[in-house]
């Protein structure tokens, strides 16, 4: 008697209609920052992170000019890495 081989199932039409997620995508739901609570929290935290007291902003500006960077780039480095250059 012959044994049956397991044949792969064909994908449904719905699965073929949507393009596959890009490389590196974890397959989770898409985040729409305009309509979600997480997006609201992100915008609020981002605004708060970029606001600094005047003295700190002036110190960052002076250091950024010493390094030949813009204030925005220097502050972004601090916010991303948590360390001063």
C-alpha atoms as a PDB file:
ATOM      1  CA  UNK A   1       0.000   0.000   0.000  1.00  0.00           C
ATOM      2  CA  UNK A   2       1.295   3.473  -0.919  1.00  0.00           C
ATOM      3  CA  UNK A   3       1.671   6.143   1.714  1.00  0.00           C
ATOM      4  CA  UNK A   4       0.187   9.557   1.083  1.00  0.00           C
ATOM      5  CA  UNK A   5       2.482  12.529   1.074  1.00  0.00           C
ATOM      6  CA  UNK A   6       1.489  15.578   3.030  1.00  0.00           C
ATOM      7  CA  UNK A   7       0.760  18.191   0.440  1.00  0.00           C
ATOM      8  CA  UNK A   8       0.994  21.869   1.382  1.00  0.00           C
ATOM      9  CA  UNK A   9      -2.364  23.577   1.571  1.00  0.00           C
ATOM     10  CA  UNK A  10      -3.122  26.302  -0.884  1.00  0.00           C
ATOM     11  CA  UNK A  11      -3.486  29.752   0.594  1.00  0.00           C
ATOM     12  CA  UNK A  12      -6.891  31.362   0.591  1.00  0.00           C
ATOM     13  CA  UNK A  13      -7.767  34.241  -1.705  1.00  0.00           C
ATOM     14  CA  UNK A  14      -7.776  36.688   1.231  1.00  0.00           C
ATOM     15  CA  UNK A  15      -4.180  35.826   2.116  1.00  0.00           C
ATOM     16  CA  UNK A  16      -3.100  36.350  -1.495  1.00  0.00           C
ATOM     17  CA  UNK A  17      -4.875  39.716  -1.776  1.00  0.00           C
ATOM     18  CA  UNK A  18      -2.731  41.530   0.813  1.00  0.00           C
ATOM     19  CA  UNK A  19       0.996  41.988   0.182  1.00  0.00           C
ATOM     20  CA  UNK A  20       3.376  40.298   2.604  1.00  0.00           C
ATOM     21  CA  UNK A  21       4.764  42.457   5.426  1.00  0.00           C
ATOM     22  CA  UNK A  22       8.187  44.031   4.811  1.00  0.00           C
ATOM     23  CA  UNK A  23      11.388  42.361   5.944  1.00  0.00           C
ATOM     24  CA  UNK A  24      11.867  42.706   9.701  1.00  0.00           C
ATOM     25  CA  UNK A  25       8.177  43.137  10.446  1.00  0.00           C
ATOM     26  CA  UNK A  26       7.027  41.125  13.447  1.00  0.00           C
ATOM     27  CA  UNK A  27       3.546  40.537  12.067  1.00  0.00           C
ATOM     28  CA  UNK A  28       1.804  42.556  14.761  1.00  0.00           C
ATOM     29  CA  UNK A  29      -1.030  44.989  14.154  1.00  0.00           C
ATOM     30  CA  UNK A  30      -0.117  48.289  12.501  1.00  0.00           C
ATOM     31  CA  UNK A  31       0.077  51.288  14.777  1.00  0.00           C
ATOM     32  CA  UNK A  32      -1.854  54.265  13.538  1.00  0.00           C
ATOM     33  CA  UNK A  33      -0.578  57.161  15.679  1.00  0.00           C
ATOM     34  CA  UNK A  34      -3.446  59.423  14.657  1.00  0.00           C
ATOM     35  CA  UNK A  35      -6.151  57.175  16.053  1.00  0.00           C
ATOM     36  CA  UNK A  36      -4.677  55.256  18.958  1.00  0.00           C
ATOM     37  CA  UNK A  37      -4.060  55.957  22.610  1.00  0.00           C
ATOM     38  CA  UNK A  38      -0.437  54.947  22.147  1.00  0.00           C
ATOM     39  CA  UNK A  39      -0.032  57.610  19.463  1.00  0.00           C
ATOM     40  CA  UNK A  40      -1.494  60.262  21.747  1.00  0.00           C
ATOM     41  CA  UNK A  41       0.887  59.285  24.549  1.00  0.00           C
ATOM     42  CA  UNK A  42       3.824  59.293  22.114  1.00  0.00           C
ATOM     43  CA  UNK A  43       3.075  62.801  20.855  1.00  0.00           C
ATOM     44  CA  UNK A  44       2.663  64.145  24.372  1.00  0.00           C
ATOM     45  CA  UNK A  45       5.915  62.550  25.613  1.00  0.00           C
ATOM     46  CA  UNK A  46       7.799  63.750  22.541  1.00  0.00           C
ATOM     47  CA  UNK A  47       6.736  67.353  23.092  1.00  0.00           C
ATOM     48  CA  UNK A  48       7.674  67.131  26.759  1.00  0.00           C
ATOM     49  CA  UNK A  49      11.110  65.645  25.971  1.00  0.00           C
ATOM     50  CA  UNK A  50      12.045  68.469  23.606  1.00  0.00           C
ATOM     51  CA  UNK A  51      11.159  71.191  26.112  1.00  0.00           C
ATOM     52  CA  UNK A  52      14.097  72.111  28.321  1.00  0.00           C
ATOM     53  CA  UNK A  53      14.674  74.973  30.746  1.00  0.00           C
ATOM     54  CA  UNK A  54      16.418  77.986  29.243  1.00  0.00           C
ATOM     55  CA  UNK A  55      19.752  77.349  30.983  1.00  0.00           C
ATOM     56  CA  UNK A  56      19.928  73.755  29.767  1.00  0.00           C
ATOM     57  CA  UNK A  57      18.963  74.755  26.224  1.00  0.00           C
ATOM     58  CA  UNK A  58      21.692  77.417  26.142  1.00  0.00           C
ATOM     59  CA  UNK A  59      24.281  74.953  27.477  1.00  0.00           C
ATOM     60  CA  UNK A  60      23.275  72.382  24.849  1.00  0.00           C
ATOM     61  CA  UNK A  61      23.422  75.023  22.120  1.00  0.00           C
ATOM     62  CA  UNK A  62      26.935  76.090  23.140  1.00  0.00           C
ATOM     63  CA  UNK A  63      28.146  72.475  23.222  1.00  0.00           C
ATOM     64  CA  UNK A  64      26.516  71.723  19.873  1.00  0.00           C
ATOM     65  CA  UNK A  65      28.282  74.712  18.293  1.00  0.00           C
ATOM     66  CA  UNK A  66      31.605  73.508  19.715  1.00  0.00           C
ATOM     67  CA  UNK A  67      31.061  70.126  18.068  1.00  0.00           C
ATOM     68  CA  UNK A  68      29.837  71.654  14.792  1.00  0.00           C
ATOM     69  CA  UNK A  69      26.341  70.228  15.163  1.00  0.00           C
ATOM     70  CA  UNK A  70      22.925  71.793  15.220  1.00  0.00           C
ATOM     71  CA  UNK A  71      21.014  72.092  18.488  1.00  0.00           C
ATOM     72  CA  UNK A  72      18.404  69.650  17.224  1.00  0.00           C
ATOM     73  CA  UNK A  73      20.979  66.989  16.273  1.00  0.00           C
ATOM     74  CA  UNK A  74      22.808  67.350  19.587  1.00  0.00           C
ATOM     75  CA  UNK A  75      19.602  67.136  21.627  1.00  0.00           C
ATOM     76  CA  UNK A  76      18.462  64.149  19.577  1.00  0.00           C
ATOM     77  CA  UNK A  77      21.721  62.349  20.447  1.00  0.00           C
ATOM     78  CA  UNK A  78      21.083  63.002  24.138  1.00  0.00           C
ATOM     79  CA  UNK A  79      17.475  61.819  23.939  1.00  0.00           C
ATOM     80  CA  UNK A  80      18.299  58.680  21.931  1.00  0.00           C
ATOM     81  CA  UNK A  81      21.364  57.473  23.770  1.00  0.00           C
ATOM     82  CA  UNK A  82      21.019  59.079  27.182  1.00  0.00           C
ATOM     83  CA  UNK A  83      24.575  60.351  27.236  1.00  0.00           C
ATOM     84  CA  UNK A  84      26.287  63.615  26.449  1.00  0.00           C
ATOM     85  CA  UNK A  85      28.840  63.949  23.661  1.00  0.00           C
END
